[in-house]
Amino acid sequence: MPVRNTTAQRGLTLVEALIAMAIVTLLLAVAVPAWSSASESARAGVAQAALVEGLTRAVSHAANTGSEVVLCPGDAGGCRDSIDWTAGWVAWADLDGDRLRDANEALLQAQPALDGKVHLRSTSGRKRLVFQPSGGNAGSNVTFTLCDGRGPAKAQALVLANDGRLRATPANLATAMACMQPM
């Protein structure tokens, strides 16, 4: 008598496999953009916190030591001639008031480049901030525009008044669009 194989076949039919792949594709199509948006939002939040930390540290150091503090786009070697802060920024105590970092001047912050599609720009012409012992910054108010890969509608304007007050508002469309463009 012939022996019958009584074990059930396991696996998916081609139709079942295609349906499963379609469901996974649909879930990924919904989840990946949401995750990407959340990731960009988090990166922008980190950038904003780092800028606020740099501003606070600069104002505090200037007021506590009686020396001027320079904050500008650049690195430990000094400032870049740019309004684009995306590649990082630096703050130091400018003891001799020459706006150039010397070896004996304390480095207060060296912020590395921003992650992802996050960009930070300052008002045209405001390539460096100089904080005075009074806590204010020399020159006119400065507006930082913070944007990321989520688009211009999510861009923030961080306005720093001369007396050190900082406020956040949505960025205007033209400034937000300019912020999104590479420099």
C-alpha atoms as a PDB file:
ATOM      1  CA  MET A   1       0.000   0.000   0.000  1.00  0.00           C
ATOM      2  CA  PRO A   2       1.416   3.398  -0.889  1.00  0.00           C
ATOM      3  CA  VAL A   3       2.414   5.676   1.960  1.00  0.00           C
ATOM      4  CA  ARG A   4       0.694   9.017   2.085  1.00  0.00           C
ATOM      5  CA  ASN A   5       2.400  12.154   3.221  1.00  0.00           C
ATOM      6  CA  THR A   6       0.095  13.475   5.918  1.00  0.00           C
ATOM      7  CA  THR A   7       2.145  16.500   6.863  1.00  0.00           C
ATOM      8  CA  ALA A   8       0.453  19.696   5.850  1.00  0.00           C
ATOM      9  CA  GLN A   9       2.242  21.990   3.448  1.00  0.00           C
ATOM     10  CA  ARG A  10       3.337  25.198   5.116  1.00  0.00           C
ATOM     11  CA  GLY A  11       3.958  28.532   3.473  1.00  0.00           C
ATOM     12  CA  LEU A  12       2.174  31.224   1.573  1.00  0.00           C
ATOM     13  CA  THR A  13       0.557  31.123  -1.787  1.00  0.00           C
ATOM     14  CA  LEU A  14       1.689  33.658  -4.324  1.00  0.00           C
ATOM     15  CA  VAL A  15      -1.491  35.672  -3.806  1.00  0.00           C
ATOM     16  CA  GLU A  16      -1.009  35.726  -0.017  1.00  0.00           C
ATOM     17  CA  ALA A  17       2.611  36.808  -0.418  1.00  0.00           C
ATOM     18  CA  LEU A  18       1.622  39.646  -2.773  1.00  0.00           C
ATOM     19  CA  ILE A  19      -1.071  40.835  -0.355  1.00  0.00           C
ATOM     20  CA  ALA A  20       1.425  40.781   2.529  1.00  0.00           C
ATOM     21  CA  MET A  21       3.955  42.752   0.458  1.00  0.00           C
ATOM     22  CA  ALA A  22       1.284  45.287  -0.483  1.00  0.00           C
ATOM     23  CA  ILE A  23       0.378  45.802   3.181  1.00  0.00           C
ATOM     24  CA  VAL A  24       4.030  46.210   4.214  1.00  0.00           C
ATOM     25  CA  THR A  25       4.599  48.686   1.349  1.00  0.00           C
ATOM     26  CA  LEU A  26       1.550  50.706   2.389  1.00  0.00           C
ATOM     27  CA  LEU A  27       2.692  50.803   6.022  1.00  0.00           C
ATOM     28  CA  LEU A  28       6.184  51.911   5.007  1.00  0.00           C
ATOM     29  CA  ALA A  29       4.757  54.586   2.716  1.00  0.00           C
ATOM     30  CA  VAL A  30       2.926  56.071   5.705  1.00  0.00           C
ATOM     31  CA  ALA A  31       5.554  55.469   8.403  1.00  0.00           C
ATOM     32  CA  VAL A  32       8.770  56.595   6.691  1.00  0.00           C
ATOM     33  CA  PRO A  33       7.682  60.193   5.923  1.00  0.00           C
ATOM     34  CA  ALA A  34       6.239  60.569   9.423  1.00  0.00           C
ATOM     35  CA  TRP A  35       9.461  59.261  10.968  1.00  0.00           C
ATOM     36  CA  SER A  36      11.553  61.490   8.702  1.00  0.00           C
ATOM     37  CA  SER A  37       9.485  64.546   9.645  1.00  0.00           C
ATOM     38  CA  ALA A  38       9.824  63.758  13.350  1.00  0.00           C
ATOM     39  CA  SER A  39      13.559  63.290  12.887  1.00  0.00           C
ATOM     40  CA  GLU A  40      13.949  66.679  11.166  1.00  0.00           C
ATOM     41  CA  SER A  41      11.837  68.312  13.865  1.00  0.00           C
ATOM     42  CA  ALA A  42      14.107  66.829  16.543  1.00  0.00           C
ATOM     43  CA  ARG A  43      17.239  68.023  14.714  1.00  0.00           C
ATOM     44  CA  ALA A  44      15.801  71.543  14.436  1.00  0.00           C
ATOM     45  CA  GLY A  45      15.008  71.452  18.164  1.00  0.00           C
ATOM     46  CA  VAL A  46      18.588  70.444  18.962  1.00  0.00           C
ATOM     47  CA  ALA A  47      19.905  73.292  16.787  1.00  0.00           C
ATOM     48  CA  GLN A  48      17.610  75.813  18.478  1.00  0.00           C
ATOM     49  CA  ALA A  49      18.668  74.615  21.930  1.00  0.00           C
ATOM     50  CA  ALA A  50      22.354  74.881  20.965  1.00  0.00           C
ATOM     51  CA  LEU A  51      21.868  78.439  19.696  1.00  0.00           C
ATOM     52  CA  VAL A  52      19.992  79.474  22.844  1.00  0.00           C
ATOM     53  CA  GLU A  53      22.756  77.863  24.936  1.00  0.00           C
ATOM     54  CA  GLY A  54      25.408  79.830  23.011  1.00  0.00           C
ATOM     55  CA  LEU A  55      23.508  83.098  23.372  1.00  0.00           C
ATOM     56  CA  THR A  56      22.900  82.518  27.088  1.00  0.00           C
ATOM     57  CA  ARG A  57      26.513  81.573  27.719  1.00  0.00           C
ATOM     58  CA  ALA A  58      27.742  84.647  25.815  1.00  0.00           C
ATOM     59  CA  VAL A  59      25.463  87.060  27.691  1.00  0.00           C
ATOM     60  CA  SER A  60      26.252  85.466  31.052  1.00  0.00           C
ATOM     61  CA  HIS A  61      30.012  85.471  30.513  1.00  0.00           C
ATOM     62  CA  ALA A  62      30.023  89.080  29.311  1.00  0.00           C
ATOM     63  CA  ALA A  63      27.979  90.218  32.317  1.00  0.00           C
ATOM     64  CA  ASN A  64      29.922  88.169  34.884  1.00  0.00           C
ATOM     65  CA  THR A  65      33.436  88.987  33.690  1.00  0.00           C
ATOM     66  CA  GLY A  66      32.994  92.474  32.293  1.00  0.00           C
ATOM     67  CA  SER A  67      34.520  91.448  28.969  1.00  0.00           C
ATOM     68  CA  GLU A  68      33.013  91.446  25.508  1.00  0.00           C
ATOM     69  CA  VAL A  69      32.044  88.097  23.982  1.00  0.00           C
ATOM     70  CA  VAL A  70      31.956  87.361  20.255  1.00  0.00           C
ATOM     71  CA  LEU A  71      29.524  84.811  18.810  1.00  0.00           C
ATOM     72  CA  CYS A  72      29.799  84.087  15.084  1.00  0.00           C
ATOM     73  CA  PRO A  73      29.579  81.392  12.430  1.00  0.00           C
ATOM     74  CA  GLY A  74      32.959  79.669  12.511  1.00  0.00           C
ATOM     75  CA  ASP A  75      35.131  77.285  14.472  1.00  0.00           C
ATOM     76  CA  ALA A  76      37.762  77.447  17.231  1.00  0.00           C
ATOM     77  CA  GLY A  77      40.045  79.331  14.821  1.00  0.00           C
ATOM     78  CA  GLY A  78      37.620  82.222  14.437  1.00  0.00           C
ATOM     79  CA  CYS A  79      34.734  83.591  12.381  1.00  0.00           C
ATOM     80  CA  ARG A  80      33.648  82.869   8.817  1.00  0.00           C
ATOM     81  CA  ASP A  81      32.531  85.833   6.729  1.00  0.00           C
ATOM     82  CA  SER A  82      28.966  84.545   6.354  1.00  0.00           C
ATOM     83  CA  ILE A  83      25.403  84.786   7.635  1.00  0.00           C
ATOM     84  CA  ASP A  84      25.131  80.985   7.337  1.00  0.00           C
ATOM     85  CA  TRP A  85      25.565  79.353  10.746  1.00  0.00           C
ATOM     86  CA  THR A  86      24.749  75.835   9.467  1.00  0.00           C
ATOM     87  CA  ALA A  87      28.403  74.712   9.453  1.00  0.00           C
ATOM     88  CA  GLY A  88      28.691  75.596  13.158  1.00  0.00           C
ATOM     89  CA  TRP A  89      29.515  78.577  15.320  1.00  0.00           C
ATOM     90  CA  VAL A  90      31.894  79.687  18.009  1.00  0.00           C
ATOM     91  CA  ALA A  91      31.823  82.007  21.040  1.00  0.00           C
ATOM     92  CA  TRP A  92      34.791  83.402  22.919  1.00  0.00           C
ATOM     93  CA  ALA A  93      35.715  86.118  25.411  1.00  0.00           C
ATOM     94  CA  ASP A  94      37.213  88.942  23.331  1.00  0.00           C
ATOM     95  CA  LEU A  95      39.575  90.379  25.941  1.00  0.00           C
ATOM     96  CA  ASP A  96      41.336  92.850  23.640  1.00  0.00           C
ATOM     97  CA  GLY A  97      38.218  93.862  21.666  1.00  0.00           C
ATOM     98  CA  ASP A  98      39.730  93.138  18.251  1.00  0.00           C
ATOM     99  CA  ARG A  99      36.992  90.624  17.215  1.00  0.00           C
ATOM    100  CA  LEU A 100      39.708  88.038  16.470  1.00  0.00           C
ATOM    101  CA  ARG A 101      40.213  85.003  18.704  1.00  0.00           C
ATOM    102  CA  ASP A 102      43.640  84.953  20.340  1.00  0.00           C
ATOM    103  CA  ALA A 103      45.191  81.973  22.140  1.00  0.00           C
ATOM    104  CA  ASN A 104      44.660  83.545  25.588  1.00  0.00           C
ATOM    105  CA  GLU A 105      40.919  84.187  25.025  1.00  0.00           C
ATOM    106  CA  ALA A 106      38.564  81.625  26.570  1.00  0.00           C
ATOM    107  CA  LEU A 107      36.553  79.529  24.134  1.00  0.00           C
ATOM    108  CA  LEU A 108      32.975  79.438  25.460  1.00  0.00           C
ATOM    109  CA  GLN A 109      31.301  77.350  22.758  1.00  0.00           C
ATOM    110  CA  ALA A 110      32.358  75.558  19.585  1.00  0.00           C
ATOM    111  CA  GLN A 111      29.175  74.243  17.991  1.00  0.00           C
ATOM    112  CA  PRO A 112      29.712  71.652  15.247  1.00  0.00           C
ATOM    113  CA  ALA A 113      27.780  71.635  11.977  1.00  0.00           C
ATOM    114  CA  LEU A 114      24.036  71.066  12.187  1.00  0.00           C
ATOM    115  CA  ASP A 115      22.664  67.643  11.296  1.00  0.00           C
ATOM    116  CA  GLY A 116      20.345  66.612   8.505  1.00  0.00           C
ATOM    117  CA  LYS A 117      18.652  69.261   6.427  1.00  0.00           C
ATOM    118  CA  VAL A 118      18.687  71.853   9.216  1.00  0.00           C
ATOM    119  CA  HIS A 119      19.887  75.352   8.252  1.00  0.00           C
ATOM    120  CA  LEU A 120      20.455  78.432  10.398  1.00  0.00           C
ATOM    121  CA  ARG A 121      20.882  81.903   8.930  1.00  0.00           C
ATOM    122  CA  SER A 122      21.185  85.325  10.524  1.00  0.00           C
ATOM    123  CA  THR A 123      19.949  88.688   9.311  1.00  0.00           C
ATOM    124  CA  SER A 124      21.802  89.978   6.273  1.00  0.00           C
ATOM    125  CA  GLY A 125      24.866  91.880   7.448  1.00  0.00           C
ATOM    126  CA  ARG A 126      24.904  90.300  10.951  1.00  0.00           C
ATOM    127  CA  LYS A 127      27.904  88.001  10.549  1.00  0.00           C
ATOM    128  CA  ARG A 128      28.914  88.205  14.201  1.00  0.00           C
ATOM    129  CA  LEU A 129      27.401  89.266  17.485  1.00  0.00           C
ATOM    130  CA  VAL A 130      29.339  91.122  20.150  1.00  0.00           C
ATOM    131  CA  PHE A 131      27.896  90.928  23.652  1.00  0.00           C
ATOM    132  CA  GLN A 132      28.842  93.718  26.007  1.00  0.00           C
ATOM    133  CA  PRO A 133      29.221  93.571  29.797  1.00  0.00           C
ATOM    134  CA  SER A 134      25.715  95.082  30.074  1.00  0.00           C
ATOM    135  CA  GLY A 135      24.355  91.847  28.523  1.00  0.00           C
ATOM    136  CA  GLY A 136      23.213  93.520  25.328  1.00  0.00           C
ATOM    137  CA  ASN A 137      24.679  93.026  21.886  1.00  0.00           C
ATOM    138  CA  ALA A 138      26.221  95.787  19.828  1.00  0.00           C
ATOM    139  CA  GLY A 139      24.515  96.802  16.605  1.00  0.00           C
ATOM    140  CA  SER A 140      20.932  96.231  15.580  1.00  0.00           C
ATOM    141  CA  ASN A 141      18.548  93.423  16.495  1.00  0.00           C
ATOM    142  CA  VAL A 142      19.352  90.133  14.798  1.00  0.00           C
ATOM    143  CA  THR A 143      16.923  87.555  13.458  1.00  0.00           C
ATOM    144  CA  PHE A 144      17.986  83.953  13.084  1.00  0.00           C
ATOM    145  CA  THR A 145      15.974  81.828  10.664  1.00  0.00           C
ATOM    146  CA  LEU A 146      15.944  78.125  11.498  1.00  0.00           C
ATOM    147  CA  CYS A 147      14.613  75.811   8.804  1.00  0.00           C
ATOM    148  CA  ASP A 148      14.777  72.110   8.000  1.00  0.00           C
ATOM    149  CA  GLY A 149      13.676  69.452   5.542  1.00  0.00           C
ATOM    150  CA  ARG A 150      10.010  69.754   6.549  1.00  0.00           C
ATOM    151  CA  GLY A 151       9.651  72.871   4.388  1.00  0.00           C
ATOM    152  CA  PRO A 152       9.300  76.639   4.774  1.00  0.00           C
ATOM    153  CA  ALA A 153       6.022  76.416   6.688  1.00  0.00           C
ATOM    154  CA  LYS A 154       7.914  74.914   9.655  1.00  0.00           C
ATOM    155  CA  ALA A 155      10.712  77.537   9.703  1.00  0.00           C
ATOM    156  CA  GLN A 156      11.184  79.563  12.878  1.00  0.00           C
ATOM    157  CA  ALA A 157      12.446  83.115  13.330  1.00  0.00           C
ATOM    158  CA  LEU A 158      14.421  83.670  16.531  1.00  0.00           C
ATOM    159  CA  VAL A 159      14.637  87.415  17.166  1.00  0.00           C
ATOM    160  CA  LEU A 160      17.341  88.665  19.524  1.00  0.00           C
ATOM    161  CA  ALA A 161      16.818  92.240  20.695  1.00  0.00           C
ATOM    162  CA  ASN A 162      19.784  94.436  21.588  1.00  0.00           C
ATOM    163  CA  ASP A 163      18.968  94.152  25.286  1.00  0.00           C
ATOM    164  CA  GLY A 164      19.298  90.327  25.150  1.00  0.00           C
ATOM    165  CA  ARG A 165      15.609  89.372  24.970  1.00  0.00           C
ATOM    166  CA  LEU A 166      14.929  86.441  22.634  1.00  0.00           C
ATOM    167  CA  ARG A 167      11.579  85.529  21.112  1.00  0.00           C
ATOM    168  CA  ALA A 168      10.496  82.889  18.611  1.00  0.00           C
ATOM    169  CA  THR A 169       7.922  83.402  15.871  1.00  0.00           C
ATOM    170  CA  PRO A 170       7.119  81.656  12.601  1.00  0.00           C
ATOM    171  CA  ALA A 171       9.468  82.862   9.852  1.00  0.00           C
ATOM    172  CA  ASN A 172       7.988  84.865   7.003  1.00  0.00           C
ATOM    173  CA  LEU A 173       7.694  82.929   3.752  1.00  0.00           C
ATOM    174  CA  ALA A 174      10.409  84.773   1.801  1.00  0.00           C
ATOM    175  CA  THR A 175      12.978  84.373   4.571  1.00  0.00           C
ATOM    176  CA  ALA A 176      11.996  80.733   5.091  1.00  0.00           C
ATOM    177  CA  MET A 177      12.353  80.011   1.368  1.00  0.00           C
ATOM    178  CA  ALA A 178      15.802  81.666   1.319  1.00  0.00           C
ATOM    179  CA  CYS A 179      16.825  79.624   4.369  1.00  0.00           C
ATOM    180  CA  MET A 180      15.981  76.394   2.523  1.00  0.00           C
ATOM    181  CA  GLN A 181      18.392  77.231  -0.333  1.00  0.00           C
ATOM    182  CA  PRO A 182      22.036  76.129  -0.125  1.00  0.00           C
ATOM    183  CA  MET A 183      24.609  78.911   0.271  1.00  0.00           C
END
